[in-house]
Amino acid sequence: LFDRFPEMTLTVEPDELEPMPTFIMN
């Protein structure tokens, strides 16, 4: 993945990513 797209970027700040609605999975 990173060989093919070495310069890809997140479109939001990491802490703005929406967590899954669970305490079981992360």
PDB file of all heavy atoms in Angstrom:
ATOM      1  N   LEU A   1       0.823  -1.208   0.000  1.00  0.00           N
ATOM      2  CA  LEU A   1       0.000   0.000   0.000  1.00  0.00           C
ATOM      3  C   LEU A   1       0.857   1.258   0.000  1.00  0.00           C
ATOM      4  O   LEU A   1       0.637   2.182  -0.807  1.00  0.00           O
ATOM      5  CB  LEU A   1      -0.924  -0.006   1.224  1.00  0.00           C
ATOM      6  CG  LEU A   1      -1.841   1.216   1.380  1.00  0.00           C
ATOM      7  CD1 LEU A   1      -2.914   1.218   0.302  1.00  0.00           C
ATOM      8  CD2 LEU A   1      -2.479   1.233   2.768  1.00  0.00           C
ATOM      9  N   PHE A   2       1.861   1.302   0.890  1.00  0.00           N
ATOM     10  CA  PHE A   2       2.674   2.512   0.982  1.00  0.00           C
ATOM     11  C   PHE A   2       3.690   2.615  -0.154  1.00  0.00           C
ATOM     12  O   PHE A   2       4.131   3.720  -0.479  1.00  0.00           O
ATOM     13  CB  PHE A   2       3.346   2.594   2.354  1.00  0.00           C
ATOM     14  CG  PHE A   2       2.416   3.075   3.431  1.00  0.00           C
ATOM     15  CD1 PHE A   2       1.708   2.170   4.211  1.00  0.00           C
ATOM     16  CD2 PHE A   2       2.228   4.429   3.647  1.00  0.00           C
ATOM     17  CE1 PHE A   2       0.830   2.617   5.195  1.00  0.00           C
ATOM     18  CE2 PHE A   2       1.357   4.890   4.622  1.00  0.00           C
ATOM     19  CZ  PHE A   2       0.647   3.977   5.401  1.00  0.00           C
ATOM     20  N   ASP A   3       4.050   1.508  -0.767  1.00  0.00           N
ATOM     21  CA  ASP A   3       4.880   1.575  -1.973  1.00  0.00           C
ATOM     22  C   ASP A   3       4.101   2.247  -3.106  1.00  0.00           C
ATOM     23  O   ASP A   3       4.653   3.026  -3.886  1.00  0.00           O
ATOM     24  CB  ASP A   3       5.305   0.176  -2.413  1.00  0.00           C
ATOM     25  CG  ASP A   3       6.466  -0.368  -1.603  1.00  0.00           C
ATOM     26  OD1 ASP A   3       7.077   0.422  -0.847  1.00  0.00           O
ATOM     27  OD2 ASP A   3       6.756  -1.570  -1.711  1.00  0.00           O
ATOM     28  N   ARG A   4       2.806   1.935  -3.184  1.00  0.00           N
ATOM     29  CA  ARG A   4       1.984   2.457  -4.293  1.00  0.00           C
ATOM     30  C   ARG A   4       1.525   3.893  -4.041  1.00  0.00           C
ATOM     31  O   ARG A   4       1.389   4.681  -4.983  1.00  0.00           O
ATOM     32  CB  ARG A   4       0.769   1.538  -4.484  1.00  0.00           C
ATOM     33  CG  ARG A   4       0.029   1.778  -5.798  1.00  0.00           C
ATOM     34  CD  ARG A   4       0.842   1.285  -6.983  1.00  0.00           C
ATOM     35  NE  ARG A   4       0.241   1.674  -8.244  1.00  0.00           N
ATOM     36  CZ  ARG A   4      -0.756   1.015  -8.829  1.00  0.00           C
ATOM     37  NH1 ARG A   4      -1.251  -0.065  -8.258  1.00  0.00           N
ATOM     38  NH2 ARG A   4      -1.240   1.427  -9.985  1.00  0.00           N
ATOM     39  N   PHE A   5       1.245   4.220  -2.774  1.00  0.00           N
ATOM     40  CA  PHE A   5       0.750   5.561  -2.442  1.00  0.00           C
ATOM     41  C   PHE A   5       1.629   6.171  -1.346  1.00  0.00           C
ATOM     42  O   PHE A   5       1.193   6.345  -0.204  1.00  0.00           O
ATOM     43  CB  PHE A   5      -0.704   5.497  -1.975  1.00  0.00           C
ATOM     44  CG  PHE A   5      -1.638   4.836  -2.944  1.00  0.00           C
ATOM     45  CD1 PHE A   5      -2.105   3.551  -2.714  1.00  0.00           C
ATOM     46  CD2 PHE A   5      -2.037   5.505  -4.094  1.00  0.00           C
ATOM     47  CE1 PHE A   5      -2.966   2.935  -3.606  1.00  0.00           C
ATOM     48  CE2 PHE A   5      -2.897   4.893  -5.001  1.00  0.00           C
ATOM     49  CZ  PHE A   5      -3.364   3.611  -4.765  1.00  0.00           C
ATOM     50  N   PRO A   6       2.866   6.504  -1.658  1.00  0.00           N
ATOM     51  CA  PRO A   6       3.814   6.937  -0.628  1.00  0.00           C
ATOM     52  C   PRO A   6       3.491   8.292  -0.020  1.00  0.00           C
ATOM     53  O   PRO A   6       3.959   8.615   1.074  1.00  0.00           O
ATOM     54  CB  PRO A   6       5.152   6.970  -1.369  1.00  0.00           C
ATOM     55  CG  PRO A   6       4.785   7.175  -2.804  1.00  0.00           C
ATOM     56  CD  PRO A   6       3.501   6.433  -2.995  1.00  0.00           C
ATOM     57  N   GLU A   7       2.692   9.109  -0.695  1.00  0.00           N
ATOM     58  CA  GLU A   7       2.441  10.469  -0.211  1.00  0.00           C
ATOM     59  C   GLU A   7       0.993  10.688   0.217  1.00  0.00           C
ATOM     60  O   GLU A   7       0.570  11.839   0.383  1.00  0.00           O
ATOM     61  CB  GLU A   7       2.808  11.486  -1.306  1.00  0.00           C
ATOM     62  CG  GLU A   7       4.250  11.410  -1.765  1.00  0.00           C
ATOM     63  CD  GLU A   7       5.229  11.695  -0.636  1.00  0.00           C
ATOM     64  OE1 GLU A   7       4.888  12.490   0.260  1.00  0.00           O
ATOM     65  OE2 GLU A   7       6.326  11.099  -0.639  1.00  0.00           O
ATOM     66  N   MET A   8       0.203   9.640   0.402  1.00  0.00           N
ATOM     67  CA  MET A   8      -1.188   9.840   0.812  1.00  0.00           C
ATOM     68  C   MET A   8      -1.240  10.449   2.218  1.00  0.00           C
ATOM     69  O   MET A   8      -0.327  10.275   3.031  1.00  0.00           O
ATOM     70  CB  MET A   8      -1.963   8.523   0.766  1.00  0.00           C
ATOM     71  CG  MET A   8      -1.506   7.460   1.719  1.00  0.00           C
ATOM     72  SD  MET A   8      -2.541   5.976   1.560  1.00  0.00           S
ATOM     73  CE  MET A   8      -1.587   4.811   2.535  1.00  0.00           C
ATOM     74  N   THR A   9      -2.321  11.189   2.478  1.00  0.00           N
ATOM     75  CA  THR A   9      -2.456  11.879   3.750  1.00  0.00           C
ATOM     76  C   THR A   9      -3.869  11.711   4.299  1.00  0.00           C
ATOM     77  O   THR A   9      -4.828  11.511   3.539  1.00  0.00           O
ATOM     78  CB  THR A   9      -2.185  13.388   3.585  1.00  0.00           C
ATOM     79  OG1 THR A   9      -3.096  13.923   2.614  1.00  0.00           O
ATOM     80  CG2 THR A   9      -0.749  13.648   3.151  1.00  0.00           C
ATOM     81  N   LEU A  10      -3.992  11.795   5.617  1.00  0.00           N
ATOM     82  CA  LEU A  10      -5.308  11.838   6.239  1.00  0.00           C
ATOM     83  C   LEU A  10      -5.988  13.152   5.882  1.00  0.00           C
ATOM     84  O   LEU A  10      -5.336  14.193   5.760  1.00  0.00           O
ATOM     85  CB  LEU A  10      -5.182  11.742   7.761  1.00  0.00           C
ATOM     86  CG  LEU A  10      -4.875  10.376   8.369  1.00  0.00           C
ATOM     87  CD1 LEU A  10      -4.562  10.529   9.858  1.00  0.00           C
ATOM     88  CD2 LEU A  10      -6.044   9.421   8.168  1.00  0.00           C
ATOM     89  N   THR A  11      -7.314  13.120   5.750  1.00  0.00           N
ATOM     90  CA  THR A  11      -8.050  14.350   5.450  1.00  0.00           C
ATOM     91  C   THR A  11      -8.543  15.031   6.719  1.00  0.00           C
ATOM     92  O   THR A  11      -9.110  16.129   6.644  1.00  0.00           O
ATOM     93  CB  THR A  11      -9.261  14.046   4.546  1.00  0.00           C
ATOM     94  OG1 THR A  11     -10.152  13.167   5.239  1.00  0.00           O
ATOM     95  CG2 THR A  11      -8.810  13.402   3.243  1.00  0.00           C
ATOM     96  N   VAL A  12      -8.367  14.406   7.869  1.00  0.00           N
ATOM     97  CA  VAL A  12      -8.723  14.993   9.156  1.00  0.00           C
ATOM     98  C   VAL A  12      -7.568  14.752  10.109  1.00  0.00           C
ATOM     99  O   VAL A  12      -6.677  13.931   9.838  1.00  0.00           O
ATOM    100  CB  VAL A  12     -10.019  14.378   9.741  1.00  0.00           C
ATOM    101  CG1 VAL A  12     -11.196  14.645   8.809  1.00  0.00           C
ATOM    102  CG2 VAL A  12      -9.857  12.874   9.983  1.00  0.00           C
ATOM    103  N   GLU A  13      -7.581  15.438  11.243  1.00  0.00           N
ATOM    104  CA  GLU A  13      -6.599  15.166  12.276  1.00  0.00           C
ATOM    105  C   GLU A  13      -6.876  13.792  12.878  1.00  0.00           C
ATOM    106  O   GLU A  13      -8.032  13.365  12.951  1.00  0.00           O
ATOM    107  CB  GLU A  13      -6.649  16.229  13.368  1.00  0.00           C
ATOM    108  CG  GLU A  13      -6.214  17.606  12.913  1.00  0.00           C
ATOM    109  CD  GLU A  13      -4.766  17.616  12.443  1.00  0.00           C
ATOM    110  OE1 GLU A  13      -3.912  16.990  13.122  1.00  0.00           O
ATOM    111  OE2 GLU A  13      -4.487  18.231  11.394  1.00  0.00           O
ATOM    112  N   PRO A  14      -5.834  13.077  13.305  1.00  0.00           N
ATOM    113  CA  PRO A  14      -6.057  11.722  13.842  1.00  0.00           C
ATOM    114  C   PRO A  14      -7.100  11.664  14.955  1.00  0.00           C
ATOM    115  O   PRO A  14      -7.904  10.728  15.006  1.00  0.00           O
ATOM    116  CB  PRO A  14      -4.667  11.326  14.353  1.00  0.00           C
ATOM    117  CG  PRO A  14      -3.723  12.107  13.500  1.00  0.00           C
ATOM    118  CD  PRO A  14      -4.405  13.413  13.234  1.00  0.00           C
ATOM    119  N   ASP A  15      -7.132  12.675  15.839  1.00  0.00           N
ATOM    120  CA  ASP A  15      -8.093  12.639  16.938  1.00  0.00           C
ATOM    121  C   ASP A  15      -9.506  13.006  16.502  1.00  0.00           C
ATOM    122  O   ASP A  15     -10.452  12.961  17.305  1.00  0.00           O
ATOM    123  CB  ASP A  15      -7.645  13.526  18.097  1.00  0.00           C
ATOM    124  CG  ASP A  15      -7.467  14.994  17.697  1.00  0.00           C
ATOM    125  OD1 ASP A  15      -7.775  15.335  16.535  1.00  0.00           O
ATOM    126  OD2 ASP A  15      -7.039  15.782  18.553  1.00  0.00           O
ATOM    127  N   GLU A  16      -9.677  13.366  15.215  1.00  0.00           N
ATOM    128  CA  GLU A  16     -11.008  13.647  14.688  1.00  0.00           C
ATOM    129  C   GLU A  16     -11.635  12.417  14.035  1.00  0.00           C
ATOM    130  O   GLU A  16     -12.809  12.457  13.639  1.00  0.00           O
ATOM    131  CB  GLU A  16     -10.936  14.788  13.668  1.00  0.00           C
ATOM    132  CG  GLU A  16     -10.554  16.125  14.284  1.00  0.00           C
ATOM    133  CD  GLU A  16     -10.388  17.220  13.237  1.00  0.00           C
ATOM    134  OE1 GLU A  16     -10.235  16.881  12.048  1.00  0.00           O
ATOM    135  OE2 GLU A  16     -10.411  18.389  13.614  1.00  0.00           O
ATOM    136  N   LEU A  17     -10.887  11.337  13.900  1.00  0.00           N
ATOM    137  CA  LEU A  17     -11.447  10.101  13.354  1.00  0.00           C
ATOM    138  C   LEU A  17     -12.501   9.565  14.311  1.00  0.00           C
ATOM    139  O   LEU A  17     -12.301   9.527  15.526  1.00  0.00           O
ATOM    140  CB  LEU A  17     -10.343   9.064  13.138  1.00  0.00           C
ATOM    141  CG  LEU A  17      -9.330   9.383  12.036  1.00  0.00           C
ATOM    142  CD1 LEU A  17      -8.148   8.424  12.116  1.00  0.00           C
ATOM    143  CD2 LEU A  17      -9.981   9.311  10.669  1.00  0.00           C
ATOM    144  N   GLU A  18     -13.614   9.127  13.752  1.00  0.00           N
ATOM    145  CA  GLU A  18     -14.744   8.669  14.564  1.00  0.00           C
ATOM    146  C   GLU A  18     -14.492   7.246  15.055  1.00  0.00           C
ATOM    147  O   GLU A  18     -14.273   6.336  14.256  1.00  0.00           O
ATOM    148  CB  GLU A  18     -16.018   8.696  13.723  1.00  0.00           C
ATOM    149  CG  GLU A  18     -17.289   8.421  14.477  1.00  0.00           C
ATOM    150  CD  GLU A  18     -17.806   9.629  15.230  1.00  0.00           C
ATOM    151  OE1 GLU A  18     -17.237  10.731  15.053  1.00  0.00           O
ATOM    152  OE2 GLU A  18     -18.777   9.474  15.981  1.00  0.00           O
ATOM    153  N   PRO A  19     -14.518   7.017  16.382  1.00  0.00           N
ATOM    154  CA  PRO A  19     -14.286   5.655  16.874  1.00  0.00           C
ATOM    155  C   PRO A  19     -15.477   4.744  16.582  1.00  0.00           C
ATOM    156  O   PRO A  19     -16.611   5.216  16.428  1.00  0.00           O
ATOM    157  CB  PRO A  19     -14.115   5.852  18.385  1.00  0.00           C
ATOM    158  CG  PRO A  19     -14.909   7.080  18.692  1.00  0.00           C
ATOM    159  CD  PRO A  19     -14.749   7.973  17.487  1.00  0.00           C
ATOM    160  N   MET A  20     -15.211   3.465  16.499  1.00  0.00           N
ATOM    161  CA  MET A  20     -16.299   2.496  16.402  1.00  0.00           C
ATOM    162  C   MET A  20     -17.124   2.556  17.685  1.00  0.00           C
ATOM    163  O   MET A  20     -16.579   2.799  18.761  1.00  0.00           O
ATOM    164  CB  MET A  20     -15.737   1.082  16.208  1.00  0.00           C
ATOM    165  CG  MET A  20     -15.001   0.872  14.915  1.00  0.00           C
ATOM    166  SD  MET A  20     -14.138  -0.737  14.875  1.00  0.00           S
ATOM    167  CE  MET A  20     -15.542  -1.865  14.968  1.00  0.00           C
ATOM    168  N   PRO A  21     -18.442   2.327  17.613  1.00  0.00           N
ATOM    169  CA  PRO A  21     -19.298   2.435  18.796  1.00  0.00           C
ATOM    170  C   PRO A  21     -19.212   1.181  19.669  1.00  0.00           C
ATOM    171  O   PRO A  21     -20.143   0.379  19.750  1.00  0.00           O
ATOM    172  CB  PRO A  21     -20.695   2.604  18.198  1.00  0.00           C
ATOM    173  CG  PRO A  21     -20.629   1.839  16.912  1.00  0.00           C
ATOM    174  CD  PRO A  21     -19.224   2.035  16.391  1.00  0.00           C
ATOM    175  N   THR A  22     -18.071   1.033  20.336  1.00  0.00           N
ATOM    176  CA  THR A  22     -17.848  -0.209  21.067  1.00  0.00           C
ATOM    177  C   THR A  22     -16.728  -0.047  22.079  1.00  0.00           C
ATOM    178  O   THR A  22     -15.813   0.757  21.872  1.00  0.00           O
ATOM    179  CB  THR A  22     -17.485  -1.346  20.087  1.00  0.00           C
ATOM    180  OG1 THR A  22     -17.218  -2.543  20.818  1.00  0.00           O
ATOM    181  CG2 THR A  22     -16.261  -0.997  19.254  1.00  0.00           C
ATOM    182  N   PHE A  23     -16.784  -0.810  23.166  1.00  0.00           N
ATOM    183  CA  PHE A  23     -15.627  -0.937  24.049  1.00  0.00           C
ATOM    184  C   PHE A  23     -14.947  -2.288  23.838  1.00  0.00           C
ATOM    185  O   PHE A  23     -13.959  -2.598  24.489  1.00  0.00           O
ATOM    186  CB  PHE A  23     -16.010  -0.763  25.528  1.00  0.00           C
ATOM    187  CG  PHE A  23     -17.012  -1.753  26.062  1.00  0.00           C
ATOM    188  CD1 PHE A  23     -16.664  -3.069  26.318  1.00  0.00           C
ATOM    189  CD2 PHE A  23     -18.314  -1.353  26.332  1.00  0.00           C
ATOM    190  CE1 PHE A  23     -17.589  -3.973  26.817  1.00  0.00           C
ATOM    191  CE2 PHE A  23     -19.239  -2.251  26.851  1.00  0.00           C
ATOM    192  CZ  PHE A  23     -18.873  -3.568  27.084  1.00  0.00           C
ATOM    193  N   ILE A  24     -15.458  -3.097  22.917  1.00  0.00           N
ATOM    194  CA  ILE A  24     -14.885  -4.420  22.642  1.00  0.00           C
ATOM    195  C   ILE A  24     -13.764  -4.321  21.615  1.00  0.00           C
ATOM    196  O   ILE A  24     -12.686  -4.880  21.802  1.00  0.00           O
ATOM    197  CB  ILE A  24     -15.973  -5.395  22.161  1.00  0.00           C
ATOM    198  CG1 ILE A  24     -17.016  -5.615  23.265  1.00  0.00           C
ATOM    199  CG2 ILE A  24     -15.363  -6.732  21.747  1.00  0.00           C
ATOM    200  CD1 ILE A  24     -18.207  -6.448  22.830  1.00  0.00           C
ATOM    201  N   MET A  25     -14.019  -3.627  20.522  1.00  0.00           N
ATOM    202  CA  MET A  25     -13.036  -3.464  19.462  1.00  0.00           C
ATOM    203  C   MET A  25     -12.413  -2.070  19.522  1.00  0.00           C
ATOM    204  O   MET A  25     -12.972  -1.154  20.121  1.00  0.00           O
ATOM    205  CB  MET A  25     -13.681  -3.688  18.094  1.00  0.00           C
ATOM    206  CG  MET A  25     -14.191  -5.101  17.891  1.00  0.00           C
ATOM    207  SD  MET A  25     -12.848  -6.316  17.860  1.00  0.00           S
ATOM    208  CE  MET A  25     -13.796  -7.854  17.843  1.00  0.00           C
ATOM    209  N   ASN A  26     -11.273  -1.912  18.875  1.00  0.00           N
ATOM    210  CA  ASN A  26     -10.567  -0.632  18.859  1.00  0.00           C
ATOM    211  C   ASN A  26     -10.235  -0.271  17.417  1.00  0.00           C
ATOM    212  O   ASN A  26      -9.285  -0.798  16.835  1.00  0.00           O
ATOM    213  CB  ASN A  26      -9.277  -0.718  19.689  1.00  0.00           C
ATOM    214  CG  ASN A  26      -8.481   0.568  19.651  1.00  0.00           C
ATOM    215  OD1 ASN A  26      -9.046   1.652  19.664  1.00  0.00           O
ATOM    216  ND2 ASN A  26      -7.161   0.446  19.593  1.00  0.00           N
TER     217      ASN A  26
END
